[in-house]
Amino acid sequence: MALLQGTLDLIVLRALTAMGPQHAYGLAARLEQVADQPFTLNQGTLYPALVRLEQKGWIKGTWRTTESHREAKYYAISRAGERALGRETERWRRLVGLIDKLLPRES
């Protein structure tokens, strides 16, 4: 499944809200697990998104030790990220509503 431009930020923010702090590999694995269709986030897609969200102040990264005793950066949504999630969710719902109106109804 391909991602529409701008949807990855919403997916990451929502996932971190639901799952709590996650490292990139854990986040990608969990998203693949919950997807109804094959959904693979490669490092070239996910890591730049995490960096971008951290630079915006929407998430905060903290270095911690994983269950397998490796150092990994865990990301958590910030208060600014929670506000952005609300805005992005509303924007997404408006877009979906428009697309739904434009698509033909199946009989």
PDB file of N, CA and C in Angstrom:
ATOM      1  N   MET A   1       0.857  -1.168   0.000  1.00  0.00           N
ATOM      2  CA  MET A   1       0.000   0.000   0.000  1.00  0.00           C
ATOM      3  C   MET A   1       0.905   1.234   0.000  1.00  0.00           C
ATOM      4  N   ALA A   2       0.653   2.128  -0.923  1.00  0.00           N
ATOM      5  CA  ALA A   2       1.425   3.368  -1.006  1.00  0.00           C
ATOM      6  C   ALA A   2       0.775   4.433  -0.137  1.00  0.00           C
ATOM      7  N   LEU A   3       1.591   5.340   0.354  1.00  0.00           N
ATOM      8  CA  LEU A   3       1.088   6.424   1.195  1.00  0.00           C
ATOM      9  C   LEU A   3       0.843   7.661   0.351  1.00  0.00           C
ATOM     10  N   LEU A   4      -0.262   8.329   0.616  1.00  0.00           N
ATOM     11  CA  LEU A   4      -0.503   9.620   0.000  1.00  0.00           C
ATOM     12  C   LEU A   4       0.407  10.655   0.646  1.00  0.00           C
ATOM     13  N   GLN A   5       0.802  11.631  -0.125  1.00  0.00           N
ATOM     14  CA  GLN A   5       1.637  12.711   0.384  1.00  0.00           C
ATOM     15  C   GLN A   5       1.004  13.325   1.630  1.00  0.00           C
ATOM     16  N   GLY A   6       1.772  13.454   2.695  1.00  0.00           N
ATOM     17  CA  GLY A   6       1.291  14.109   3.896  1.00  0.00           C
ATOM     18  C   GLY A   6       0.580  13.217   4.895  1.00  0.00           C
ATOM     19  N   THR A   7       0.358  11.947   4.554  1.00  0.00           N
ATOM     20  CA  THR A   7      -0.369  11.080   5.488  1.00  0.00           C
ATOM     21  C   THR A   7       0.541  10.431   6.523  1.00  0.00           C
ATOM     22  N   LEU A   8       1.820  10.317   6.240  1.00  0.00           N
ATOM     23  CA  LEU A   8       2.721   9.635   7.167  1.00  0.00           C
ATOM     24  C   LEU A   8       2.803  10.368   8.504  1.00  0.00           C
ATOM     25  N   ASP A   9       2.824  11.692   8.481  1.00  0.00           N
ATOM     26  CA  ASP A   9       2.860  12.453   9.730  1.00  0.00           C
ATOM     27  C   ASP A   9       1.655  12.105  10.596  1.00  0.00           C
ATOM     28  N   LEU A  10       0.478  12.084   9.986  1.00  0.00           N
ATOM     29  CA  LEU A  10      -0.745  11.757  10.714  1.00  0.00           C
ATOM     30  C   LEU A  10      -0.681  10.345  11.274  1.00  0.00           C
ATOM     31  N   ILE A  11      -0.207   9.401  10.487  1.00  0.00           N
ATOM     32  CA  ILE A  11      -0.105   8.006  10.927  1.00  0.00           C
ATOM     33  C   ILE A  11       0.847   7.888  12.116  1.00  0.00           C
ATOM     34  N   VAL A  12       2.009   8.520  12.024  1.00  0.00           N
ATOM     35  CA  VAL A  12       2.998   8.434  13.107  1.00  0.00           C
ATOM     36  C   VAL A  12       2.465   9.090  14.374  1.00  0.00           C
ATOM     37  N   LEU A  13       1.880  10.271  14.261  1.00  0.00           N
ATOM     38  CA  LEU A  13       1.357  10.959  15.438  1.00  0.00           C
ATOM     39  C   LEU A  13       0.251  10.144  16.103  1.00  0.00           C
ATOM     40  N   ARG A  14      -0.640   9.594  15.303  1.00  0.00           N
ATOM     41  CA  ARG A  14      -1.741   8.804  15.856  1.00  0.00           C
ATOM     42  C   ARG A  14      -1.217   7.526  16.497  1.00  0.00           C
ATOM     43  N   ALA A  15      -0.254   6.883  15.857  1.00  0.00           N
ATOM     44  CA  ALA A  15       0.310   5.649  16.398  1.00  0.00           C
ATOM     45  C   ALA A  15       1.005   5.903  17.733  1.00  0.00           C
ATOM     46  N   LEU A  16       1.773   6.975  17.819  1.00  0.00           N
ATOM     47  CA  LEU A  16       2.456   7.286  19.075  1.00  0.00           C
ATOM     48  C   LEU A  16       1.461   7.634  20.181  1.00  0.00           C
ATOM     49  N   THR A  17       0.351   8.254  19.807  1.00  0.00           N
ATOM     50  CA  THR A  17      -0.695   8.545  20.785  1.00  0.00           C
ATOM     51  C   THR A  17      -1.288   7.244  21.317  1.00  0.00           C
ATOM     52  N   ALA A  18      -1.552   6.315  20.427  1.00  0.00           N
ATOM     53  CA  ALA A  18      -2.187   5.058  20.812  1.00  0.00           C
ATOM     54  C   ALA A  18      -1.236   4.098  21.514  1.00  0.00           C
ATOM     55  N   MET A  19       0.020   4.054  21.070  1.00  0.00           N
ATOM     56  CA  MET A  19       0.958   3.031  21.545  1.00  0.00           C
ATOM     57  C   MET A  19       1.933   3.537  22.594  1.00  0.00           C
ATOM     58  N   GLY A  20       2.042   4.842  22.754  1.00  0.00           N
ATOM     59  CA  GLY A  20       3.040   5.374  23.650  1.00  0.00           C
ATOM     60  C   GLY A  20       4.397   5.411  22.962  1.00  0.00           C
ATOM     61  N   PRO A  21       5.445   5.766  23.693  1.00  0.00           N
ATOM     62  CA  PRO A  21       6.775   5.900  23.091  1.00  0.00           C
ATOM     63  C   PRO A  21       7.221   4.621  22.376  1.00  0.00           C
ATOM     64  N   GLN A  22       7.781   4.813  21.185  1.00  0.00           N
ATOM     65  CA  GLN A  22       8.243   3.700  20.359  1.00  0.00           C
ATOM     66  C   GLN A  22       9.555   4.072  19.681  1.00  0.00           C
ATOM     67  N   HIS A  23      10.396   3.073  19.425  1.00  0.00           N
ATOM     68  CA  HIS A  23      11.552   3.311  18.565  1.00  0.00           C
ATOM     69  C   HIS A  23      11.112   3.029  17.132  1.00  0.00           C
ATOM     70  N   ALA A  24      11.883   3.480  16.167  1.00  0.00           N
ATOM     71  CA  ALA A  24      11.469   3.431  14.765  1.00  0.00           C
ATOM     72  C   ALA A  24      11.138   2.016  14.309  1.00  0.00           C
ATOM     73  N   TYR A  25      11.979   1.052  14.655  1.00  0.00           N
ATOM     74  CA  TYR A  25      11.723  -0.318  14.213  1.00  0.00           C
ATOM     75  C   TYR A  25      10.425  -0.848  14.827  1.00  0.00           C
ATOM     76  N   GLY A  26      10.227  -0.600  16.110  1.00  0.00           N
ATOM     77  CA  GLY A  26       9.009  -1.048  16.775  1.00  0.00           C
ATOM     78  C   GLY A  26       7.767  -0.392  16.200  1.00  0.00           C
ATOM     79  N   LEU A  27       7.868   0.886  15.876  1.00  0.00           N
ATOM     80  CA  LEU A  27       6.762   1.615  15.283  1.00  0.00           C
ATOM     81  C   LEU A  27       6.409   1.023  13.917  1.00  0.00           C
ATOM     82  N   ALA A  28       7.416   0.808  13.086  1.00  0.00           N
ATOM     83  CA  ALA A  28       7.180   0.242  11.753  1.00  0.00           C
ATOM     84  C   ALA A  28       6.577  -1.160  11.849  1.00  0.00           C
ATOM     85  N   ALA A  29       7.111  -1.970  12.756  1.00  0.00           N
ATOM     86  CA  ALA A  29       6.606  -3.345  12.915  1.00  0.00           C
ATOM     87  C   ALA A  29       5.153  -3.338  13.373  1.00  0.00           C
ATOM     88  N   ARG A  30       4.823  -2.465  14.306  1.00  0.00           N
ATOM     89  CA  ARG A  30       3.450  -2.416  14.823  1.00  0.00           C
ATOM     90  C   ARG A  30       2.482  -1.937  13.751  1.00  0.00           C
ATOM     91  N   LEU A  31       2.879  -0.953  12.960  1.00  0.00           N
ATOM     92  CA  LEU A  31       2.012  -0.466  11.888  1.00  0.00           C
ATOM     93  C   LEU A  31       1.780  -1.554  10.843  1.00  0.00           C
ATOM     94  N   GLU A  32       2.814  -2.318  10.516  1.00  0.00           N
ATOM     95  CA  GLU A  32       2.649  -3.436   9.586  1.00  0.00           C
ATOM     96  C   GLU A  32       1.681  -4.465  10.158  1.00  0.00           C
ATOM     97  N   GLN A  33       1.746  -4.662  11.459  1.00  0.00           N
ATOM     98  CA  GLN A  33       0.906  -5.643  12.144  1.00  0.00           C
ATOM     99  C   GLN A  33      -0.575  -5.254  12.112  1.00  0.00           C
ATOM    100  N   VAL A  34      -0.883  -3.993  12.300  1.00  0.00           N
ATOM    101  CA  VAL A  34      -2.281  -3.573  12.388  1.00  0.00           C
ATOM    102  C   VAL A  34      -2.908  -3.240  11.036  1.00  0.00           C
ATOM    103  N   ALA A  35      -2.111  -3.140   9.988  1.00  0.00           N
ATOM    104  CA  ALA A  35      -2.633  -2.798   8.666  1.00  0.00           C
ATOM    105  C   ALA A  35      -3.466  -3.952   8.102  1.00  0.00           C
ATOM    106  N   ASP A  36      -4.574  -3.613   7.452  1.00  0.00           N
ATOM    107  CA  ASP A  36      -5.427  -4.625   6.831  1.00  0.00           C
ATOM    108  C   ASP A  36      -4.799  -5.188   5.551  1.00  0.00           C
ATOM    109  N   GLN A  37      -3.949  -4.399   4.922  1.00  0.00           N
ATOM    110  CA  GLN A  37      -3.285  -4.799   3.688  1.00  0.00           C
ATOM    111  C   GLN A  37      -1.783  -4.703   3.912  1.00  0.00           C
ATOM    112  N   PRO A  38      -0.991  -5.364   3.066  1.00  0.00           N
ATOM    113  CA  PRO A  38       0.465  -5.263   3.231  1.00  0.00           C
ATOM    114  C   PRO A  38       0.902  -3.794   3.285  1.00  0.00           C
ATOM    115  N   PHE A  39       1.669  -3.475   4.303  1.00  0.00           N
ATOM    116  CA  PHE A  39       2.083  -2.095   4.549  1.00  0.00           C
ATOM    117  C   PHE A  39       3.496  -2.129   5.094  1.00  0.00           C
ATOM    118  N   THR A  40       4.441  -1.708   4.290  1.00  0.00           N
ATOM    119  CA  THR A  40       5.828  -1.735   4.712  1.00  0.00           C
ATOM    120  C   THR A  40       6.374  -0.314   4.735  1.00  0.00           C
ATOM    121  N   LEU A  41       6.916   0.064   5.864  1.00  0.00           N
ATOM    122  CA  LEU A  41       7.590   1.349   5.988  1.00  0.00           C
ATOM    123  C   LEU A  41       9.083   1.078   5.992  1.00  0.00           C
ATOM    124  N   ASN A  42       9.761   1.492   4.953  1.00  0.00           N
ATOM    125  CA  ASN A  42      11.205   1.281   4.946  1.00  0.00           C
ATOM    126  C   ASN A  42      11.901   2.434   5.661  1.00  0.00           C
ATOM    127  N   GLN A  43      13.164   2.228   5.988  1.00  0.00           N
ATOM    128  CA  GLN A  43      13.926   3.234   6.730  1.00  0.00           C
ATOM    129  C   GLN A  43      14.012   4.553   5.971  1.00  0.00           C
ATOM    130  N   GLY A  44      14.060   4.475   4.653  1.00  0.00           N
ATOM    131  CA  GLY A  44      14.155   5.680   3.840  1.00  0.00           C
ATOM    132  C   GLY A  44      12.896   6.527   3.874  1.00  0.00           C
ATOM    133  N   THR A  45      11.805   5.950   4.335  1.00  0.00           N
ATOM    134  CA  THR A  45      10.547   6.673   4.468  1.00  0.00           C
ATOM    135  C   THR A  45      10.313   7.103   5.909  1.00  0.00           C
ATOM    136  N   LEU A  46      10.485   6.190   6.848  1.00  0.00           N
ATOM    137  CA  LEU A  46      10.137   6.448   8.238  1.00  0.00           C
ATOM    138  C   LEU A  46      11.127   7.390   8.936  1.00  0.00           C
ATOM    139  N   TYR A  47      12.423   7.146   8.797  1.00  0.00           N
ATOM    140  CA  TYR A  47      13.403   7.956   9.523  1.00  0.00           C
ATOM    141  C   TYR A  47      13.340   9.439   9.154  1.00  0.00           C
ATOM    142  N   PRO A  48      13.258   9.789   7.875  1.00  0.00           N
ATOM    143  CA  PRO A  48      13.126  11.218   7.562  1.00  0.00           C
ATOM    144  C   PRO A  48      11.852  11.834   8.150  1.00  0.00           C
ATOM    145  N   ALA A  49      10.771  11.052   8.208  1.00  0.00           N
ATOM    146  CA  ALA A  49       9.534  11.556   8.802  1.00  0.00           C
ATOM    147  C   ALA A  49       9.724  11.812  10.294  1.00  0.00           C
ATOM    148  N   LEU A  50      10.403  10.901  10.987  1.00  0.00           N
ATOM    149  CA  LEU A  50      10.649  11.080  12.417  1.00  0.00           C
ATOM    150  C   LEU A  50      11.522  12.308  12.669  1.00  0.00           C
ATOM    151  N   VAL A  51      12.538  12.489  11.849  1.00  0.00           N
ATOM    152  CA  VAL A  51      13.405  13.662  11.979  1.00  0.00           C
ATOM    153  C   VAL A  51      12.600  14.939  11.741  1.00  0.00           C
ATOM    154  N   ARG A  52      11.786  14.945  10.696  1.00  0.00           N
ATOM    155  CA  ARG A  52      10.962  16.113  10.369  1.00  0.00           C
ATOM    156  C   ARG A  52       9.993  16.442  11.518  1.00  0.00           C
ATOM    157  N   LEU A  53       9.330  15.412  12.061  1.00  0.00           N
ATOM    158  CA  LEU A  53       8.387  15.634  13.151  1.00  0.00           C
ATOM    159  C   LEU A  53       9.091  16.129  14.412  1.00  0.00           C
ATOM    160  N   GLU A  54      10.295  15.624  14.653  1.00  0.00           N
ATOM    161  CA  GLU A  54      11.065  16.080  15.815  1.00  0.00           C
ATOM    162  C   GLU A  54      11.500  17.537  15.620  1.00  0.00           C
ATOM    163  N   GLN A  55      11.907  17.889  14.410  1.00  0.00           N
ATOM    164  CA  GLN A  55      12.314  19.272  14.132  1.00  0.00           C
ATOM    165  C   GLN A  55      11.143  20.243  14.277  1.00  0.00           C
ATOM    166  N   LYS A  56       9.945  19.792  13.953  1.00  0.00           N
ATOM    167  CA  LYS A  56       8.744  20.616  14.114  1.00  0.00           C
ATOM    168  C   LYS A  56       8.340  20.737  15.581  1.00  0.00           C
ATOM    169  N   GLY A  57       8.905  19.878  16.429  1.00  0.00           N
ATOM    170  CA  GLY A  57       8.530  19.883  17.834  1.00  0.00           C
ATOM    171  C   GLY A  57       7.284  19.062  18.131  1.00  0.00           C
ATOM    172  N   TRP A  58       6.844  18.252  17.163  1.00  0.00           N
ATOM    173  CA  TRP A  58       5.630  17.457  17.325  1.00  0.00           C
ATOM    174  C   TRP A  58       5.892  16.143  18.055  1.00  0.00           C
ATOM    175  N   ILE A  59       7.140  15.680  18.013  1.00  0.00           N
ATOM    176  CA  ILE A  59       7.542  14.496  18.774  1.00  0.00           C
ATOM    177  C   ILE A  59       8.863  14.806  19.459  1.00  0.00           C
ATOM    178  N   LYS A  60       9.166  14.027  20.485  1.00  0.00           N
ATOM    179  CA  LYS A  60      10.427  14.203  21.207  1.00  0.00           C
ATOM    180  C   LYS A  60      11.101  12.839  21.267  1.00  0.00           C
ATOM    181  N   GLY A  61      12.379  12.808  20.941  1.00  0.00           N
ATOM    182  CA  GLY A  61      13.138  11.568  20.968  1.00  0.00           C
ATOM    183  C   GLY A  61      14.036  11.491  22.195  1.00  0.00           C
ATOM    184  N   THR A  62      14.096  10.319  22.790  1.00  0.00           N
ATOM    185  CA  THR A  62      14.934  10.070  23.959  1.00  0.00           C
ATOM    186  C   THR A  62      15.647   8.739  23.762  1.00  0.00           C
ATOM    187  N   TRP A  63      16.961   8.719  24.000  1.00  0.00           N
ATOM    188  CA  TRP A  63      17.724   7.479  23.869  1.00  0.00           C
ATOM    189  C   TRP A  63      17.464   6.589  25.078  1.00  0.00           C
ATOM    190  N   ARG A  64      17.117   5.327  24.804  1.00  0.00           N
ATOM    191  CA  ARG A  64      16.868   4.341  25.852  1.00  0.00           C
ATOM    192  C   ARG A  64      17.360   2.975  25.377  1.00  0.00           C
ATOM    193  N   THR A  65      17.384   2.038  26.283  1.00  0.00           N
ATOM    194  CA  THR A  65      17.780   0.672  25.967  1.00  0.00           C
ATOM    195  C   THR A  65      16.542  -0.150  25.621  1.00  0.00           C
ATOM    196  N   THR A  66      16.615  -0.880  24.513  1.00  0.00           N
ATOM    197  CA  THR A  66      15.498  -1.716  24.086  1.00  0.00           C
ATOM    198  C   THR A  66      15.451  -3.010  24.891  1.00  0.00           C
ATOM    199  N   GLU A  67      14.419  -3.799  24.622  1.00  0.00           N
ATOM    200  CA  GLU A  67      14.279  -5.093  25.271  1.00  0.00           C
ATOM    201  C   GLU A  67      15.448  -6.015  24.930  1.00  0.00           C
ATOM    202  N   SER A  68      16.039  -5.801  23.756  1.00  0.00           N
ATOM    203  CA  SER A  68      17.181  -6.625  23.330  1.00  0.00           C
ATOM    204  C   SER A  68      18.520  -5.989  23.722  1.00  0.00           C
ATOM    205  N   HIS A  69      18.480  -5.028  24.636  1.00  0.00           N
ATOM    206  CA  HIS A  69      19.673  -4.390  25.214  1.00  0.00           C
ATOM    207  C   HIS A  69      20.476  -3.581  24.204  1.00  0.00           C
ATOM    208  N   ARG A  70      19.795  -2.987  23.252  1.00  0.00           N
ATOM    209  CA  ARG A  70      20.434  -2.079  22.304  1.00  0.00           C
ATOM    210  C   ARG A  70      19.953  -0.666  22.584  1.00  0.00           C
ATOM    211  N   GLU A  71      20.794   0.298  22.245  1.00  0.00           N
ATOM    212  CA  GLU A  71      20.397   1.694  22.385  1.00  0.00           C
ATOM    213  C   GLU A  71      19.535   2.082  21.180  1.00  0.00           C
ATOM    214  N   ALA A  72      18.418   2.707  21.443  1.00  0.00           N
ATOM    215  CA  ALA A  72      17.532   3.161  20.371  1.00  0.00           C
ATOM    216  C   ALA A  72      16.867   4.456  20.813  1.00  0.00           C
ATOM    217  N   LYS A  73      16.531   5.255  19.840  1.00  0.00           N
ATOM    218  CA  LYS A  73      15.831   6.503  20.130  1.00  0.00           C
ATOM    219  C   LYS A  73      14.333   6.207  20.151  1.00  0.00           C
ATOM    220  N   TYR A  74      13.724   6.468  21.298  1.00  0.00           N
ATOM    221  CA  TYR A  74      12.286   6.293  21.462  1.00  0.00           C
ATOM    222  C   TYR A  74      11.608   7.637  21.236  1.00  0.00           C
ATOM    223  N   TYR A  75      10.531   7.611  20.473  1.00  0.00           N
ATOM    224  CA  TYR A  75       9.814   8.838  20.139  1.00  0.00           C
ATOM    225  C   TYR A  75       8.472   8.857  20.848  1.00  0.00           C
ATOM    226  N   ALA A  76       8.103  10.024  21.356  1.00  0.00           N
ATOM    227  CA  ALA A  76       6.811  10.233  22.004  1.00  0.00           C
ATOM    228  C   ALA A  76       6.213  11.517  21.458  1.00  0.00           C
ATOM    229  N   ILE A  77       4.906  11.564  21.400  1.00  0.00           N
ATOM    230  CA  ILE A  77       4.236  12.770  20.919  1.00  0.00           C
ATOM    231  C   ILE A  77       4.337  13.865  21.986  1.00  0.00           C
ATOM    232  N   SER A  78       4.529  15.088  21.534  1.00  0.00           N
ATOM    233  CA  SER A  78       4.616  16.238  22.439  1.00  0.00           C
ATOM    234  C   SER A  78       3.245  16.929  22.507  1.00  0.00           C
ATOM    235  N   ARG A  79       3.137  17.913  23.373  1.00  0.00           N
ATOM    236  CA  ARG A  79       1.871  18.682  23.435  1.00  0.00           C
ATOM    237  C   ARG A  79       1.600  19.388  22.113  1.00  0.00           C
ATOM    238  N   ALA A  80       2.658  19.936  21.519  1.00  0.00           N
ATOM    239  CA  ALA A  80       2.493  20.570  20.204  1.00  0.00           C
ATOM    240  C   ALA A  80       2.061  19.522  19.180  1.00  0.00           C
ATOM    241  N   GLY A  81       2.574  18.315  19.307  1.00  0.00           N
ATOM    242  CA  GLY A  81       2.187  17.220  18.416  1.00  0.00           C
ATOM    243  C   GLY A  81       0.738  16.826  18.604  1.00  0.00           C
ATOM    244  N   GLU A  82       0.258  16.862  19.838  1.00  0.00           N
ATOM    245  CA  GLU A  82      -1.151  16.556  20.098  1.00  0.00           C
ATOM    246  C   GLU A  82      -2.054  17.591  19.426  1.00  0.00           C
ATOM    247  N   ARG A  83      -1.651  18.845  19.502  1.00  0.00           N
ATOM    248  CA  ARG A  83      -2.429  19.902  18.826  1.00  0.00           C
ATOM    249  C   ARG A  83      -2.374  19.715  17.310  1.00  0.00           C
ATOM    250  N   ALA A  84      -1.189  19.401  16.800  1.00  0.00           N
ATOM    251  CA  ALA A  84      -1.029  19.174  15.360  1.00  0.00           C
ATOM    252  C   ALA A  84      -1.854  17.966  14.922  1.00  0.00           C
ATOM    253  N   LEU A  85      -1.898  16.939  15.759  1.00  0.00           N
ATOM    254  CA  LEU A  85      -2.692  15.750  15.432  1.00  0.00           C
ATOM    255  C   LEU A  85      -4.161  16.125  15.273  1.00  0.00           C
ATOM    256  N   GLY A  86      -4.665  16.973  16.142  1.00  0.00           N
ATOM    257  CA  GLY A  86      -6.052  17.429  16.008  1.00  0.00           C
ATOM    258  C   GLY A  86      -6.284  18.146  14.689  1.00  0.00           C
ATOM    259  N   ARG A  87      -5.375  19.039  14.335  1.00  0.00           N
ATOM    260  CA  ARG A  87      -5.500  19.783  13.067  1.00  0.00           C
ATOM    261  C   ARG A  87      -5.393  18.848  11.867  1.00  0.00           C
ATOM    262  N   GLU A  88      -4.398  17.952  11.908  1.00  0.00           N
ATOM    263  CA  GLU A  88      -4.174  17.029  10.791  1.00  0.00           C
ATOM    264  C   GLU A  88      -5.343  16.048  10.639  1.00  0.00           C
ATOM    265  N   THR A  89      -5.918  15.631  11.751  1.00  0.00           N
ATOM    266  CA  THR A  89      -7.069  14.726  11.706  1.00  0.00           C
ATOM    267  C   THR A  89      -8.249  15.420  11.035  1.00  0.00           C
ATOM    268  N   GLU A  90      -8.499  16.651  11.429  1.00  0.00           N
ATOM    269  CA  GLU A  90      -9.605  17.411  10.834  1.00  0.00           C
ATOM    270  C   GLU A  90      -9.357  17.629   9.345  1.00  0.00           C
ATOM    271  N   ARG A  91      -8.128  17.972   8.973  1.00  0.00           N
ATOM    272  CA  ARG A  91      -7.780  18.172   7.552  1.00  0.00           C
ATOM    273  C   ARG A  91      -8.014  16.891   6.767  1.00  0.00           C
ATOM    274  N   TRP A  92      -7.598  15.756   7.346  1.00  0.00           N
ATOM    275  CA  TRP A  92      -7.769  14.461   6.691  1.00  0.00           C
ATOM    276  C   TRP A  92      -9.255  14.142   6.507  1.00  0.00           C
ATOM    277  N   ARG A  93     -10.057  14.395   7.528  1.00  0.00           N
ATOM    278  CA  ARG A  93     -11.501  14.111   7.437  1.00  0.00           C
ATOM    279  C   ARG A  93     -12.167  14.958   6.355  1.00  0.00           C
ATOM    280  N   ARG A  94     -11.757  16.219   6.236  1.00  0.00           N
ATOM    281  CA  ARG A  94     -12.304  17.067   5.163  1.00  0.00           C
ATOM    282  C   ARG A  94     -11.918  16.515   3.797  1.00  0.00           C
ATOM    283  N   LEU A  95     -10.664  16.090   3.654  1.00  0.00           N
ATOM    284  CA  LEU A  95     -10.200  15.535   2.385  1.00  0.00           C
ATOM    285  C   LEU A  95     -10.944  14.248   2.042  1.00  0.00           C
ATOM    286  N   VAL A  96     -11.106  13.370   3.013  1.00  0.00           N
ATOM    287  CA  VAL A  96     -11.830  12.116   2.786  1.00  0.00           C
ATOM    288  C   VAL A  96     -13.279  12.413   2.397  1.00  0.00           C
ATOM    289  N   GLY A  97     -13.893  13.389   3.066  1.00  0.00           N
ATOM    290  CA  GLY A  97     -15.266  13.763   2.730  1.00  0.00           C
ATOM    291  C   GLY A  97     -15.389  14.240   1.291  1.00  0.00           C
ATOM    292  N   LEU A  98     -14.443  15.052   0.851  1.00  0.00           N
ATOM    293  CA  LEU A  98     -14.454  15.530  -0.532  1.00  0.00           C
ATOM    294  C   LEU A  98     -14.283  14.376  -1.505  1.00  0.00           C
ATOM    295  N   ILE A  99     -13.310  13.522  -1.238  1.00  0.00           N
ATOM    296  CA  ILE A  99     -13.061  12.387  -2.133  1.00  0.00           C
ATOM    297  C   ILE A  99     -14.284  11.480  -2.184  1.00  0.00           C
ATOM    298  N   ASP A 100     -14.913  11.250  -1.035  1.00  0.00           N
ATOM    299  CA  ASP A 100     -16.106  10.412  -0.985  1.00  0.00           C
ATOM    300  C   ASP A 100     -17.222  10.989  -1.852  1.00  0.00           C
ATOM    301  N   LYS A 101     -17.361  12.321  -1.854  1.00  0.00           N
ATOM    302  CA  LYS A 101     -18.384  12.952  -2.692  1.00  0.00           C
ATOM    303  C   LYS A 101     -18.077  12.824  -4.177  1.00  0.00           C
ATOM    304  N   LEU A 102     -16.794  12.764  -4.517  1.00  0.00           N
ATOM    305  CA  LEU A 102     -16.395  12.701  -5.917  1.00  0.00           C
ATOM    306  C   LEU A 102     -16.401  11.290  -6.504  1.00  0.00           C
ATOM    307  N   LEU A 103     -16.277  10.287  -5.645  1.00  0.00           N
ATOM    308  CA  LEU A 103     -16.247   8.910  -6.130  1.00  0.00           C
ATOM    309  C   LEU A 103     -17.659   8.440  -6.487  1.00  0.00           C
ATOM    310  N   PRO A 104     -17.771   7.645  -7.544  1.00  0.00           N
ATOM    311  CA  PRO A 104     -19.102   7.139  -7.893  1.00  0.00           C
ATOM    312  C   PRO A 104     -19.584   6.141  -6.837  1.00  0.00           C
ATOM    313  N   ARG A 105     -20.876   6.143  -6.590  1.00  0.00           N
ATOM    314  CA  ARG A 105     -21.496   5.211  -5.656  1.00  0.00           C
ATOM    315  C   ARG A 105     -21.629   3.851  -6.331  1.00  0.00           C
ATOM    316  N   GLU A 106     -21.263   2.824  -5.577  1.00  0.00           N
ATOM    317  CA  GLU A 106     -21.404   1.468  -6.110  1.00  0.00           C
ATOM    318  C   GLU A 106     -22.819   0.986  -5.851  1.00  0.00           C
ATOM    319  N   SER A 107     -23.371   0.294  -6.819  1.00  0.00           N
ATOM    320  CA  SER A 107     -24.739  -0.226  -6.686  1.00  0.00           C
ATOM    321  C   SER A 107     -24.748  -1.652  -6.239  1.00  0.00           C
TER     322      SER A 107
END
